[in-house]
Amino acid sequence: MRNLLPVLLLAAACATQPVPNQQLETTPRHDEWVTIPSAGRTLHAYVVYPQSKAKSGAVVVIHENRGLTDWVRTVADQLAAKGYIAIAPDMLSGSAPNGGRTSDFATSDAAREGISKLPREQVLADLASSAAYVRTLPSANGKLAVMGFCWGGARTWEAANTVDGVSIAFPFYGTGPNSDEGVTGIEAPVHGFYGGDDARVNATIEPTKALTDKHGKTFDPVIYEGAGHAFMRLGEEANPTEANRKAREQSWERLLGLLRVIQ
């Protein structure tokens, strides 16, 4: 038993180490971490560039309530692979222990708790700062899309309503606005993506549609039957449900078709 102890201790230690994400480790595209001034604080963001000789449209990718995880960064990389500059801001910048960011939280639960405490004004400022940064990059063509998942889906609505220069917006299973003030500033079309087995979020679709129709805004929601909440992430994990896998594939196809407006 004494001889097994070092092996067991090593195995336990390795189990707590983050597993490198192979897509991020091997991407052929230029990716980088940047810091952006935002309302008197420092916002950290992950940026990926397409391999292109022409200027490109930009996409702001807003993370789930888990914070800026590796999965969200892979979404940004997949967008860059299709020809877009993608920026994924870490909305938890400065909120982790010792002023850290998402990666400095001990657990996903801790990150979720941190998300729940973010001041709305700070979130809106960070969204505006991210958009302004990526739109004015030398290789950007000035056109902008915004998309987000879960918590980030709800924030996508807020970005469409408050951020200058948004050409098109894509909330993925995020709750929509419930007041006139939440839609009156929207100028871009909003295309929503929802799982059929997500009653909590889907209960907001019709009230939001009524608001957007009332104010002459474009809101085009699509529900993917049988898919659950977070199907974009769950649909690419090992052994996904068929409904989640199919919803993810169909959503990517729809998203890429709609994104052509910022090329």
C-alpha atoms as a PDB file:
ATOM      1  CA  MET A   1       0.000   0.000   0.000  1.00  0.00           C
ATOM      2  CA  ARG A   2       2.919   2.297   0.762  1.00  0.00           C
ATOM      3  CA  ASN A   3       4.156   1.900  -2.827  1.00  0.00           C
ATOM      4  CA  LEU A   4       0.735   2.806  -4.196  1.00  0.00           C
ATOM      5  CA  LEU A   5       0.412   6.010  -2.188  1.00  0.00           C
ATOM      6  CA  PRO A   6       2.611   8.227  -4.422  1.00  0.00           C
ATOM      7  CA  VAL A   7       0.719   6.991  -7.471  1.00  0.00           C
ATOM      8  CA  LEU A   8      -2.642   7.736  -5.883  1.00  0.00           C
ATOM      9  CA  LEU A   9      -1.500  11.177  -4.784  1.00  0.00           C
ATOM     10  CA  LEU A  10      -0.225  11.947  -8.271  1.00  0.00           C
ATOM     11  CA  ALA A  11      -3.504  10.810  -9.817  1.00  0.00           C
ATOM     12  CA  ALA A  12      -5.470  13.007  -7.428  1.00  0.00           C
ATOM     13  CA  ALA A  13      -3.276  16.002  -8.220  1.00  0.00           C
ATOM     14  CA  CYS A  14      -3.634  15.475 -11.965  1.00  0.00           C
ATOM     15  CA  ALA A  15      -7.399  15.241 -11.632  1.00  0.00           C
ATOM     16  CA  THR A  16      -7.513  18.822 -10.345  1.00  0.00           C
ATOM     17  CA  GLN A  17      -5.399  20.231 -13.174  1.00  0.00           C
ATOM     18  CA  PRO A  18      -7.211  21.858 -16.099  1.00  0.00           C
ATOM     19  CA  VAL A  19      -7.164  19.740 -19.249  1.00  0.00           C
ATOM     20  CA  PRO A  20      -5.813  21.757 -22.196  1.00  0.00           C
ATOM     21  CA  ASN A  21      -8.462  22.413 -24.817  1.00  0.00           C
ATOM     22  CA  GLN A  22      -7.046  20.937 -28.004  1.00  0.00           C
ATOM     23  CA  GLN A  23      -8.926  23.304 -30.298  1.00  0.00           C
ATOM     24  CA  LEU A  24      -7.485  26.314 -28.506  1.00  0.00           C
ATOM     25  CA  GLU A  25      -4.023  24.799 -28.212  1.00  0.00           C
ATOM     26  CA  THR A  26      -3.758  23.973 -31.912  1.00  0.00           C
ATOM     27  CA  THR A  27      -5.771  26.704 -33.649  1.00  0.00           C
ATOM     28  CA  PRO A  28      -3.921  28.031 -36.719  1.00  0.00           C
ATOM     29  CA  ARG A  29      -5.540  31.439 -36.234  1.00  0.00           C
ATOM     30  CA  HIS A  30      -3.975  34.315 -34.346  1.00  0.00           C
ATOM     31  CA  ASP A  31      -5.572  34.617 -30.919  1.00  0.00           C
ATOM     32  CA  GLU A  32      -4.675  36.874 -28.050  1.00  0.00           C
ATOM     33  CA  TRP A  33      -5.743  38.249 -24.697  1.00  0.00           C
ATOM     34  CA  VAL A  34      -6.281  41.989 -24.604  1.00  0.00           C
ATOM     35  CA  THR A  35      -7.088  44.517 -21.915  1.00  0.00           C
ATOM     36  CA  ILE A  36      -9.621  47.244 -22.621  1.00  0.00           C
ATOM     37  CA  PRO A  37     -10.308  50.351 -20.509  1.00  0.00           C
ATOM     38  CA  SER A  38     -13.957  50.271 -19.478  1.00  0.00           C
ATOM     39  CA  ALA A  39     -15.555  52.888 -17.250  1.00  0.00           C
ATOM     40  CA  GLY A  40     -12.479  53.281 -15.080  1.00  0.00           C
ATOM     41  CA  ARG A  41     -11.620  49.582 -14.827  1.00  0.00           C
ATOM     42  CA  THR A  42      -9.751  46.987 -16.874  1.00  0.00           C
ATOM     43  CA  LEU A  43     -11.726  44.532 -18.976  1.00  0.00           C
ATOM     44  CA  HIS A  44      -9.990  41.351 -20.132  1.00  0.00           C
ATOM     45  CA  ALA A  45     -11.081  39.877 -23.464  1.00  0.00           C
ATOM     46  CA  TYR A  46     -10.115  37.046 -25.789  1.00  0.00           C
ATOM     47  CA  VAL A  47      -9.780  37.957 -29.477  1.00  0.00           C
ATOM     48  CA  VAL A  48      -9.404  35.637 -32.473  1.00  0.00           C
ATOM     49  CA  TYR A  49      -8.643  36.767 -36.023  1.00  0.00           C
ATOM     50  CA  PRO A  50      -9.565  35.043 -39.288  1.00  0.00           C
ATOM     51  CA  GLN A  51      -6.962  34.163 -41.859  1.00  0.00           C
ATOM     52  CA  SER A  52      -8.096  36.658 -44.449  1.00  0.00           C
ATOM     53  CA  LYS A  53      -6.611  39.212 -46.809  1.00  0.00           C
ATOM     54  CA  ALA A  54      -9.700  41.434 -46.586  1.00  0.00           C
ATOM     55  CA  LYS A  55     -11.110  43.387 -43.676  1.00  0.00           C
ATOM     56  CA  SER A  56     -13.622  41.384 -41.666  1.00  0.00           C
ATOM     57  CA  GLY A  57     -16.854  41.837 -39.778  1.00  0.00           C
ATOM     58  CA  ALA A  58     -16.663  41.537 -36.000  1.00  0.00           C
ATOM     59  CA  VAL A  59     -18.697  39.510 -33.513  1.00  0.00           C
ATOM     60  CA  VAL A  60     -18.980  40.105 -29.768  1.00  0.00           C
ATOM     61  CA  VAL A  61     -19.521  36.753 -28.025  1.00  0.00           C
ATOM     62  CA  ILE A  62     -21.096  37.044 -24.557  1.00  0.00           C
ATOM     63  CA  HIS A  63     -20.547  34.112 -22.239  1.00  0.00           C
ATOM     64  CA  GLU A  64     -22.921  32.085 -20.075  1.00  0.00           C
ATOM     65  CA  ASN A  65     -23.283  32.585 -16.335  1.00  0.00           C
ATOM     66  CA  ARG A  66     -20.222  30.361 -15.870  1.00  0.00           C
ATOM     67  CA  GLY A  67     -18.013  33.196 -17.108  1.00  0.00           C
ATOM     68  CA  LEU A  68     -15.486  33.144 -19.943  1.00  0.00           C
ATOM     69  CA  THR A  69     -14.835  29.410 -20.186  1.00  0.00           C
ATOM     70  CA  ASP A  70     -12.753  27.524 -22.732  1.00  0.00           C
ATOM     71  CA  TRP A  71     -15.962  26.519 -24.496  1.00  0.00           C
ATOM     72  CA  VAL A  72     -16.870  30.152 -25.155  1.00  0.00           C
ATOM     73  CA  ARG A  73     -13.377  30.737 -26.491  1.00  0.00           C
ATOM     74  CA  THR A  74     -13.837  27.809 -28.902  1.00  0.00           C
ATOM     75  CA  VAL A  75     -17.003  29.484 -30.187  1.00  0.00           C
ATOM     76  CA  ALA A  76     -14.940  32.588 -30.906  1.00  0.00           C
ATOM     77  CA  ASP A  77     -12.357  30.445 -32.696  1.00  0.00           C
ATOM     78  CA  GLN A  78     -15.045  28.749 -34.804  1.00  0.00           C
ATOM     79  CA  LEU A  79     -16.353  32.166 -35.854  1.00  0.00           C
ATOM     80  CA  ALA A  80     -12.841  33.239 -36.832  1.00  0.00           C
ATOM     81  CA  ALA A  81     -12.508  30.056 -38.868  1.00  0.00           C
ATOM     82  CA  LYS A  82     -15.516  31.284 -40.873  1.00  0.00           C
ATOM     83  CA  GLY A  83     -13.963  34.673 -41.562  1.00  0.00           C
ATOM     84  CA  TYR A  84     -14.974  36.913 -38.631  1.00  0.00           C
ATOM     85  CA  ILE A  85     -13.017  38.714 -35.940  1.00  0.00           C
ATOM     86  CA  ALA A  86     -14.441  37.445 -32.663  1.00  0.00           C
ATOM     87  CA  ILE A  87     -14.071  39.041 -29.249  1.00  0.00           C
ATOM     88  CA  ALA A  88     -15.208  37.329 -26.053  1.00  0.00           C
ATOM     89  CA  PRO A  89     -15.073  39.749 -23.103  1.00  0.00           C
ATOM     90  CA  ASP A  90     -14.651  38.350 -19.609  1.00  0.00           C
ATOM     91  CA  MET A  91     -17.477  40.113 -17.829  1.00  0.00           C
ATOM     92  CA  LEU A  92     -16.103  38.870 -14.499  1.00  0.00           C
ATOM     93  CA  SER A  93     -12.911  40.890 -14.931  1.00  0.00           C
ATOM     94  CA  GLY A  94     -11.957  42.313 -11.541  1.00  0.00           C
ATOM     95  CA  SER A  95     -14.681  40.377  -9.716  1.00  0.00           C
ATOM     96  CA  ALA A  96     -12.764  37.226  -8.789  1.00  0.00           C
ATOM     97  CA  PRO A  97     -10.645  36.864  -5.643  1.00  0.00           C
ATOM     98  CA  ASN A  98      -7.780  39.375  -5.575  1.00  0.00           C
ATOM     99  CA  GLY A  99      -9.312  41.291  -8.465  1.00  0.00           C
ATOM    100  CA  GLY A 100      -9.009  38.373 -10.876  1.00  0.00           C
ATOM    101  CA  ARG A 101     -11.256  37.123 -13.664  1.00  0.00           C
ATOM    102  CA  THR A 102     -13.208  33.956 -14.529  1.00  0.00           C
ATOM    103  CA  SER A 103     -10.190  31.648 -14.355  1.00  0.00           C
ATOM    104  CA  ASP A 104      -9.482  32.839 -10.807  1.00  0.00           C
ATOM    105  CA  PHE A 105     -12.759  31.567  -9.370  1.00  0.00           C
ATOM    106  CA  ALA A 106     -12.372  28.256  -7.564  1.00  0.00           C
ATOM    107  CA  THR A 107     -15.539  26.708  -9.011  1.00  0.00           C
ATOM    108  CA  SER A 108     -18.261  27.285 -11.578  1.00  0.00           C
ATOM    109  CA  ASP A 109     -20.690  27.904  -8.714  1.00  0.00           C
ATOM    110  CA  ALA A 110     -18.455  30.683  -7.439  1.00  0.00           C
ATOM    111  CA  ALA A 111     -18.359  32.224 -10.904  1.00  0.00           C
ATOM    112  CA  ARG A 112     -22.162  32.048 -11.131  1.00  0.00           C
ATOM    113  CA  GLU A 113     -22.442  33.818  -7.807  1.00  0.00           C
ATOM    114  CA  GLY A 114     -20.036  36.474  -9.061  1.00  0.00           C
ATOM    115  CA  ILE A 115     -22.127  36.965 -12.201  1.00  0.00           C
ATOM    116  CA  SER A 116     -25.244  37.548 -10.117  1.00  0.00           C
ATOM    117  CA  LYS A 117     -23.560  40.440  -8.323  1.00  0.00           C
ATOM    118  CA  LEU A 118     -22.410  42.388 -11.386  1.00  0.00           C
ATOM    119  CA  PRO A 119     -23.854  45.922 -11.539  1.00  0.00           C
ATOM    120  CA  ARG A 120     -25.972  46.448 -14.646  1.00  0.00           C
ATOM    121  CA  GLU A 121     -24.206  49.707 -15.458  1.00  0.00           C
ATOM    122  CA  GLN A 122     -20.838  47.931 -15.418  1.00  0.00           C
ATOM    123  CA  VAL A 123     -22.111  45.178 -17.715  1.00  0.00           C
ATOM    124  CA  LEU A 124     -23.463  47.693 -20.220  1.00  0.00           C
ATOM    125  CA  ALA A 125     -20.211  49.647 -20.139  1.00  0.00           C
ATOM    126  CA  ASP A 126     -18.192  46.483 -20.770  1.00  0.00           C
ATOM    127  CA  LEU A 127     -20.384  45.530 -23.711  1.00  0.00           C
ATOM    128  CA  ALA A 128     -19.992  48.994 -25.239  1.00  0.00           C
ATOM    129  CA  SER A 129     -16.224  48.975 -24.650  1.00  0.00           C
ATOM    130  CA  SER A 130     -15.836  45.531 -26.247  1.00  0.00           C
ATOM    131  CA  ALA A 131     -17.858  46.562 -29.275  1.00  0.00           C
ATOM    132  CA  ALA A 132     -15.951  49.820 -29.750  1.00  0.00           C
ATOM    133  CA  TYR A 133     -12.611  48.019 -29.426  1.00  0.00           C
ATOM    134  CA  VAL A 134     -13.308  45.298 -31.985  1.00  0.00           C
ATOM    135  CA  ARG A 135     -15.089  47.540 -34.505  1.00  0.00           C
ATOM    136  CA  THR A 136     -12.116  49.893 -34.740  1.00  0.00           C
ATOM    137  CA  LEU A 137      -9.369  47.293 -35.134  1.00  0.00           C
ATOM    138  CA  PRO A 138      -7.317  47.963 -38.295  1.00  0.00           C
ATOM    139  CA  SER A 139      -8.441  44.664 -39.838  1.00  0.00           C
ATOM    140  CA  ALA A 140     -12.137  45.216 -39.052  1.00  0.00           C
ATOM    141  CA  ASN A 141     -14.622  46.476 -41.645  1.00  0.00           C
ATOM    142  CA  GLY A 142     -16.682  48.370 -39.045  1.00  0.00           C
ATOM    143  CA  LYS A 143     -19.697  46.038 -39.116  1.00  0.00           C
ATOM    144  CA  LEU A 144     -20.740  44.383 -35.873  1.00  0.00           C
ATOM    145  CA  ALA A 145     -22.802  41.445 -34.660  1.00  0.00           C
ATOM    146  CA  VAL A 146     -23.557  40.501 -31.058  1.00  0.00           C
ATOM    147  CA  MET A 147     -24.381  37.034 -29.760  1.00  0.00           C
ATOM    148  CA  GLY A 148     -24.587  35.391 -26.356  1.00  0.00           C
ATOM    149  CA  PHE A 149     -25.649  32.281 -24.497  1.00  0.00           C
ATOM    150  CA  CYS A 150     -27.965  31.925 -21.481  1.00  0.00           C
ATOM    151  CA  TRP A 151     -26.981  34.896 -19.265  1.00  0.00           C
ATOM    152  CA  GLY A 152     -25.174  36.224 -22.310  1.00  0.00           C
ATOM    153  CA  GLY A 153     -28.310  35.761 -24.380  1.00  0.00           C
ATOM    154  CA  ALA A 154     -30.169  38.172 -22.138  1.00  0.00           C
ATOM    155  CA  ARG A 155     -27.222  40.563 -22.331  1.00  0.00           C
ATOM    156  CA  THR A 156     -27.365  40.325 -26.134  1.00  0.00           C
ATOM    157  CA  TRP A 157     -30.761  42.005 -25.981  1.00  0.00           C
ATOM    158  CA  GLU A 158     -29.273  44.756 -23.813  1.00  0.00           C
ATOM    159  CA  ALA A 159     -26.371  45.218 -26.208  1.00  0.00           C
ATOM    160  CA  ALA A 160     -28.752  45.490 -29.163  1.00  0.00           C
ATOM    161  CA  ASN A 161     -30.703  48.110 -27.217  1.00  0.00           C
ATOM    162  CA  THR A 162     -27.794  50.227 -25.950  1.00  0.00           C
ATOM    163  CA  VAL A 163     -24.602  49.647 -27.974  1.00  0.00           C
ATOM    164  CA  ASP A 164     -23.884  51.791 -31.026  1.00  0.00           C
ATOM    165  CA  GLY A 165     -23.299  50.185 -34.397  1.00  0.00           C
ATOM    166  CA  VAL A 166     -24.887  46.753 -33.907  1.00  0.00           C
ATOM    167  CA  SER A 167     -25.913  45.370 -37.314  1.00  0.00           C
ATOM    168  CA  ILE A 168     -27.510  42.122 -36.143  1.00  0.00           C
ATOM    169  CA  ALA A 169     -28.027  40.304 -32.826  1.00  0.00           C
ATOM    170  CA  PHE A 170     -28.340  36.635 -31.840  1.00  0.00           C
ATOM    171  CA  PRO A 171     -29.600  35.734 -28.351  1.00  0.00           C
ATOM    172  CA  PHE A 172     -29.258  32.016 -27.629  1.00  0.00           C
ATOM    173  CA  TYR A 173     -31.763  30.827 -24.987  1.00  0.00           C
ATOM    174  CA  GLY A 174     -31.594  34.102 -23.091  1.00  0.00           C
ATOM    175  CA  THR A 175     -34.603  35.770 -21.509  1.00  0.00           C
ATOM    176  CA  GLY A 176     -35.910  38.722 -23.483  1.00  0.00           C
ATOM    177  CA  PRO A 177     -36.866  42.251 -22.392  1.00  0.00           C
ATOM    178  CA  ASN A 178     -40.197  42.814 -20.653  1.00  0.00           C
ATOM    179  CA  SER A 179     -40.599  46.579 -20.929  1.00  0.00           C
ATOM    180  CA  ASP A 180     -40.784  49.233 -23.631  1.00  0.00           C
ATOM    181  CA  GLU A 181     -37.441  50.619 -22.481  1.00  0.00           C
ATOM    182  CA  GLY A 182     -35.827  47.271 -23.249  1.00  0.00           C
ATOM    183  CA  VAL A 183     -36.556  47.460 -26.981  1.00  0.00           C
ATOM    184  CA  THR A 184     -36.930  51.102 -27.999  1.00  0.00           C
ATOM    185  CA  GLY A 185     -33.206  51.512 -28.679  1.00  0.00           C
ATOM    186  CA  ILE A 186     -32.943  48.425 -30.891  1.00  0.00           C
ATOM    187  CA  GLU A 187     -32.158  49.180 -34.533  1.00  0.00           C
ATOM    188  CA  ALA A 188     -30.790  45.827 -35.688  1.00  0.00           C
ATOM    189  CA  PRO A 189     -32.789  42.673 -36.414  1.00  0.00           C
ATOM    190  CA  VAL A 190     -32.735  40.153 -33.568  1.00  0.00           C
ATOM    191  CA  HIS A 191     -32.715  36.433 -34.375  1.00  0.00           C
ATOM    192  CA  GLY A 192     -33.362  34.162 -31.398  1.00  0.00           C
ATOM    193  CA  PHE A 193     -32.378  30.525 -30.832  1.00  0.00           C
ATOM    194  CA  TYR A 194     -34.317  28.447 -28.274  1.00  0.00           C
ATOM    195  CA  GLY A 195     -34.563  24.847 -27.120  1.00  0.00           C
ATOM    196  CA  GLY A 196     -38.026  23.319 -27.097  1.00  0.00           C
ATOM    197  CA  ASP A 197     -37.495  21.845 -23.628  1.00  0.00           C
ATOM    198  CA  ASP A 198     -36.682  25.160 -21.953  1.00  0.00           C
ATOM    199  CA  ALA A 199     -39.993  26.447 -20.593  1.00  0.00           C
ATOM    200  CA  ARG A 200     -38.411  29.000 -18.243  1.00  0.00           C
ATOM    201  CA  VAL A 201     -36.787  30.943 -21.077  1.00  0.00           C
ATOM    202  CA  ASN A 202     -39.437  30.222 -23.694  1.00  0.00           C
ATOM    203  CA  ALA A 203     -42.114  31.794 -21.509  1.00  0.00           C
ATOM    204  CA  THR A 204     -40.521  35.155 -22.354  1.00  0.00           C
ATOM    205  CA  ILE A 205     -40.640  34.735 -26.140  1.00  0.00           C
ATOM    206  CA  GLU A 206     -44.238  35.774 -26.802  1.00  0.00           C
ATOM    207  CA  PRO A 207     -44.214  38.798 -24.441  1.00  0.00           C
ATOM    208  CA  THR A 208     -40.964  39.957 -26.036  1.00  0.00           C
ATOM    209  CA  LYS A 209     -42.390  39.419 -29.530  1.00  0.00           C
ATOM    210  CA  ALA A 210     -45.384  41.533 -28.592  1.00  0.00           C
ATOM    211  CA  LEU A 211     -43.065  44.326 -27.446  1.00  0.00           C
ATOM    212  CA  THR A 212     -40.892  44.231 -30.570  1.00  0.00           C
ATOM    213  CA  ASP A 213     -43.955  44.184 -32.825  1.00  0.00           C
ATOM    214  CA  LYS A 214     -45.424  47.111 -30.912  1.00  0.00           C
ATOM    215  CA  HIS A 215     -42.318  49.203 -31.570  1.00  0.00           C
ATOM    216  CA  GLY A 216     -41.706  48.031 -35.119  1.00  0.00           C
ATOM    217  CA  LYS A 217     -38.594  46.003 -34.323  1.00  0.00           C
ATOM    218  CA  THR A 218     -37.566  42.755 -36.019  1.00  0.00           C
ATOM    219  CA  PHE A 219     -37.494  39.684 -33.773  1.00  0.00           C
ATOM    220  CA  ASP A 220     -37.324  36.254 -35.392  1.00  0.00           C
ATOM    221  CA  PRO A 221     -37.324  33.447 -32.786  1.00  0.00           C
ATOM    222  CA  VAL A 222     -36.751  29.809 -33.770  1.00  0.00           C
ATOM    223  CA  ILE A 223     -37.446  26.946 -31.365  1.00  0.00           C
ATOM    224  CA  TYR A 224     -35.552  23.677 -31.847  1.00  0.00           C
ATOM    225  CA  GLU A 225     -37.889  20.944 -30.685  1.00  0.00           C
ATOM    226  CA  GLY A 226     -36.550  18.477 -28.129  1.00  0.00           C
ATOM    227  CA  ALA A 227     -33.423  20.502 -27.409  1.00  0.00           C
ATOM    228  CA  GLY A 228     -32.787  21.733 -23.890  1.00  0.00           C
ATOM    229  CA  HIS A 229     -31.237  24.808 -22.385  1.00  0.00           C
ATOM    230  CA  ALA A 230     -27.551  25.269 -23.336  1.00  0.00           C
ATOM    231  CA  PHE A 231     -27.896  23.008 -26.377  1.00  0.00           C
ATOM    232  CA  MET A 232     -25.073  24.813 -28.194  1.00  0.00           C
ATOM    233  CA  ARG A 233     -22.610  23.637 -25.549  1.00  0.00           C
ATOM    234  CA  LEU A 234     -24.235  20.328 -24.684  1.00  0.00           C
ATOM    235  CA  GLY A 235     -24.705  19.433 -28.345  1.00  0.00           C
ATOM    236  CA  GLU A 236     -20.973  19.132 -28.936  1.00  0.00           C
ATOM    237  CA  GLU A 237     -20.087  17.225 -25.785  1.00  0.00           C
ATOM    238  CA  ALA A 238     -19.423  13.496 -25.853  1.00  0.00           C
ATOM    239  CA  ASN A 239     -22.617  11.469 -26.360  1.00  0.00           C
ATOM    240  CA  PRO A 240     -25.073  14.378 -26.665  1.00  0.00           C
ATOM    241  CA  THR A 241     -28.779  13.788 -27.031  1.00  0.00           C
ATOM    242  CA  GLU A 242     -29.818  13.630 -30.662  1.00  0.00           C
ATOM    243  CA  ALA A 243     -32.045  16.693 -30.201  1.00  0.00           C
ATOM    244  CA  ASN A 244     -29.217  18.804 -28.753  1.00  0.00           C
ATOM    245  CA  ARG A 245     -26.778  17.655 -31.438  1.00  0.00           C
ATOM    246  CA  LYS A 246     -29.231  18.435 -34.223  1.00  0.00           C
ATOM    247  CA  ALA A 247     -30.191  21.813 -32.727  1.00  0.00           C
ATOM    248  CA  ARG A 248     -26.556  22.818 -32.476  1.00  0.00           C
ATOM    249  CA  GLU A 249     -25.856  21.882 -36.099  1.00  0.00           C
ATOM    250  CA  GLN A 250     -28.944  23.642 -37.403  1.00  0.00           C
ATOM    251  CA  SER A 251     -28.218  26.719 -35.290  1.00  0.00           C
ATOM    252  CA  TRP A 252     -24.687  27.032 -36.628  1.00  0.00           C
ATOM    253  CA  GLU A 253     -25.989  26.776 -40.178  1.00  0.00           C
ATOM    254  CA  ARG A 254     -28.633  29.438 -39.518  1.00  0.00           C
ATOM    255  CA  LEU A 255     -26.187  31.691 -37.680  1.00  0.00           C
ATOM    256  CA  LEU A 256     -23.552  31.589 -40.424  1.00  0.00           C
ATOM    257  CA  GLY A 257     -26.142  32.347 -43.070  1.00  0.00           C
ATOM    258  CA  LEU A 258     -27.392  35.399 -41.187  1.00  0.00           C
ATOM    259  CA  LEU A 259     -23.883  36.627 -40.374  1.00  0.00           C
ATOM    260  CA  ARG A 260     -23.209  37.294 -44.043  1.00  0.00           C
ATOM    261  CA  VAL A 261     -24.714  40.770 -43.580  1.00  0.00           C
ATOM    262  CA  ILE A 262     -21.518  41.891 -41.797  1.00  0.00           C
ATOM    263  CA  GLN A 263     -19.061  40.478 -44.339  1.00  0.00           C
END
